Amino acid sequence: MPQLNPAPWFLILVFSWFIFLALLPSKVLAHTFPNEPTTQSTKKPKTEPWNWTWH
């Protein structure tokens, strides 16, 4: 049965894992997001009471 011969398939497995473990993580980590999150200020906004006309 030819599919039981591990010689060509083992080499394909090794090269595919080399690509996954060496090339792809650097591509994924180099990705930049278009909208970087910004920190919000810790100051509370000054609120004013509403001026109700019927109260």
C-alpha atoms as a PDB file:
ATOM      1  CA  MET A   1       0.000   0.000   0.000  1.00  0.00           C
ATOM      2  CA  PRO A   2       1.718   3.219  -1.083  1.00  0.00           C
ATOM      3  CA  GLN A   3       0.012   5.499   1.449  1.00  0.00           C
ATOM      4  CA  LEU A   4       1.815   3.705   4.290  1.00  0.00           C
ATOM      5  CA  ASN A   5       5.205   4.882   3.036  1.00  0.00           C
ATOM      6  CA  PRO A   6       6.139   7.666   5.498  1.00  0.00           C
ATOM      7  CA  ALA A   7       9.014   9.124   3.459  1.00  0.00           C
ATOM      8  CA  PRO A   8       7.217  11.855   1.436  1.00  0.00           C
ATOM      9  CA  TRP A   9       4.499  12.597   4.009  1.00  0.00           C
ATOM     10  CA  PHE A  10       6.865  13.039   6.934  1.00  0.00           C
ATOM     11  CA  LEU A  11       8.866  15.641   5.006  1.00  0.00           C
ATOM     12  CA  ILE A  12       5.657  17.497   4.123  1.00  0.00           C
ATOM     13  CA  LEU A  13       4.620  17.402   7.796  1.00  0.00           C
ATOM     14  CA  VAL A  14       7.977  18.772   8.949  1.00  0.00           C
ATOM     15  CA  PHE A  15       7.967  21.622   6.414  1.00  0.00           C
ATOM     16  CA  SER A  16       4.376  22.567   7.142  1.00  0.00           C
ATOM     17  CA  TRP A  17       5.121  22.762  10.881  1.00  0.00           C
ATOM     18  CA  PHE A  18       8.200  24.825  10.115  1.00  0.00           C
ATOM     19  CA  ILE A  19       6.014  27.309   8.244  1.00  0.00           C
ATOM     20  CA  PHE A  20       3.422  27.398  11.017  1.00  0.00           C
ATOM     21  CA  LEU A  21       5.942  27.823  13.829  1.00  0.00           C
ATOM     22  CA  ALA A  22       8.508  30.103  12.179  1.00  0.00           C
ATOM     23  CA  LEU A  23       6.824  32.316   9.610  1.00  0.00           C
ATOM     24  CA  LEU A  24       3.204  32.761  10.654  1.00  0.00           C
ATOM     25  CA  PRO A  25       3.705  33.992  14.264  1.00  0.00           C
ATOM     26  CA  SER A  26       5.889  36.861  13.049  1.00  0.00           C
ATOM     27  CA  LYS A  27       3.214  37.807  10.510  1.00  0.00           C
ATOM     28  CA  VAL A  28       0.477  37.699  13.139  1.00  0.00           C
ATOM     29  CA  LEU A  29       2.456  39.680  15.724  1.00  0.00           C
ATOM     30  CA  ALA A  30       3.340  42.359  13.155  1.00  0.00           C
ATOM     31  CA  HIS A  31      -0.355  43.115  12.620  1.00  0.00           C
ATOM     32  CA  THR A  32      -1.394  46.590  13.722  1.00  0.00           C
ATOM     33  CA  PHE A  33      -4.912  47.613  14.567  1.00  0.00           C
ATOM     34  CA  PRO A  34      -6.308  50.676  12.784  1.00  0.00           C
ATOM     35  CA  ASN A  35      -7.902  52.089  15.935  1.00  0.00           C
ATOM     36  CA  GLU A  36      -5.593  51.966  18.907  1.00  0.00           C
ATOM     37  CA  PRO A  37      -7.430  52.157  22.232  1.00  0.00           C
ATOM     38  CA  THR A  38      -6.969  55.363  24.192  1.00  0.00           C
ATOM     39  CA  THR A  39      -7.039  55.741  27.926  1.00  0.00           C
ATOM     40  CA  GLN A  40      -9.949  57.618  29.391  1.00  0.00           C
ATOM     41  CA  SER A  41      -9.367  60.462  31.789  1.00  0.00           C
ATOM     42  CA  THR A  42     -10.038  59.833  35.466  1.00  0.00           C
ATOM     43  CA  LYS A  43     -11.617  63.277  35.962  1.00  0.00           C
ATOM     44  CA  LYS A  44     -15.351  63.264  36.426  1.00  0.00           C
ATOM     45  CA  PRO A  45     -17.216  65.664  34.188  1.00  0.00           C
ATOM     46  CA  LYS A  46     -18.850  68.577  35.984  1.00  0.00           C
ATOM     47  CA  THR A  47     -22.597  68.140  35.988  1.00  0.00           C
ATOM     48  CA  GLU A  48     -25.032  70.968  36.384  1.00  0.00           C
ATOM     49  CA  PRO A  49     -28.582  70.653  37.716  1.00  0.00           C
ATOM     50  CA  TRP A  50     -31.370  70.850  35.210  1.00  0.00           C
ATOM     51  CA  ASN A  51     -33.424  73.962  35.160  1.00  0.00           C
ATOM     52  CA  TRP A  52     -37.002  72.651  35.081  1.00  0.00           C
ATOM     53  CA  THR A  53     -39.552  75.276  34.118  1.00  0.00           C
ATOM     54  CA  TRP A  54     -42.531  73.605  35.889  1.00  0.00           C
ATOM     55  CA  HIS A  55     -40.852  72.827  39.177  1.00  0.00           C
END
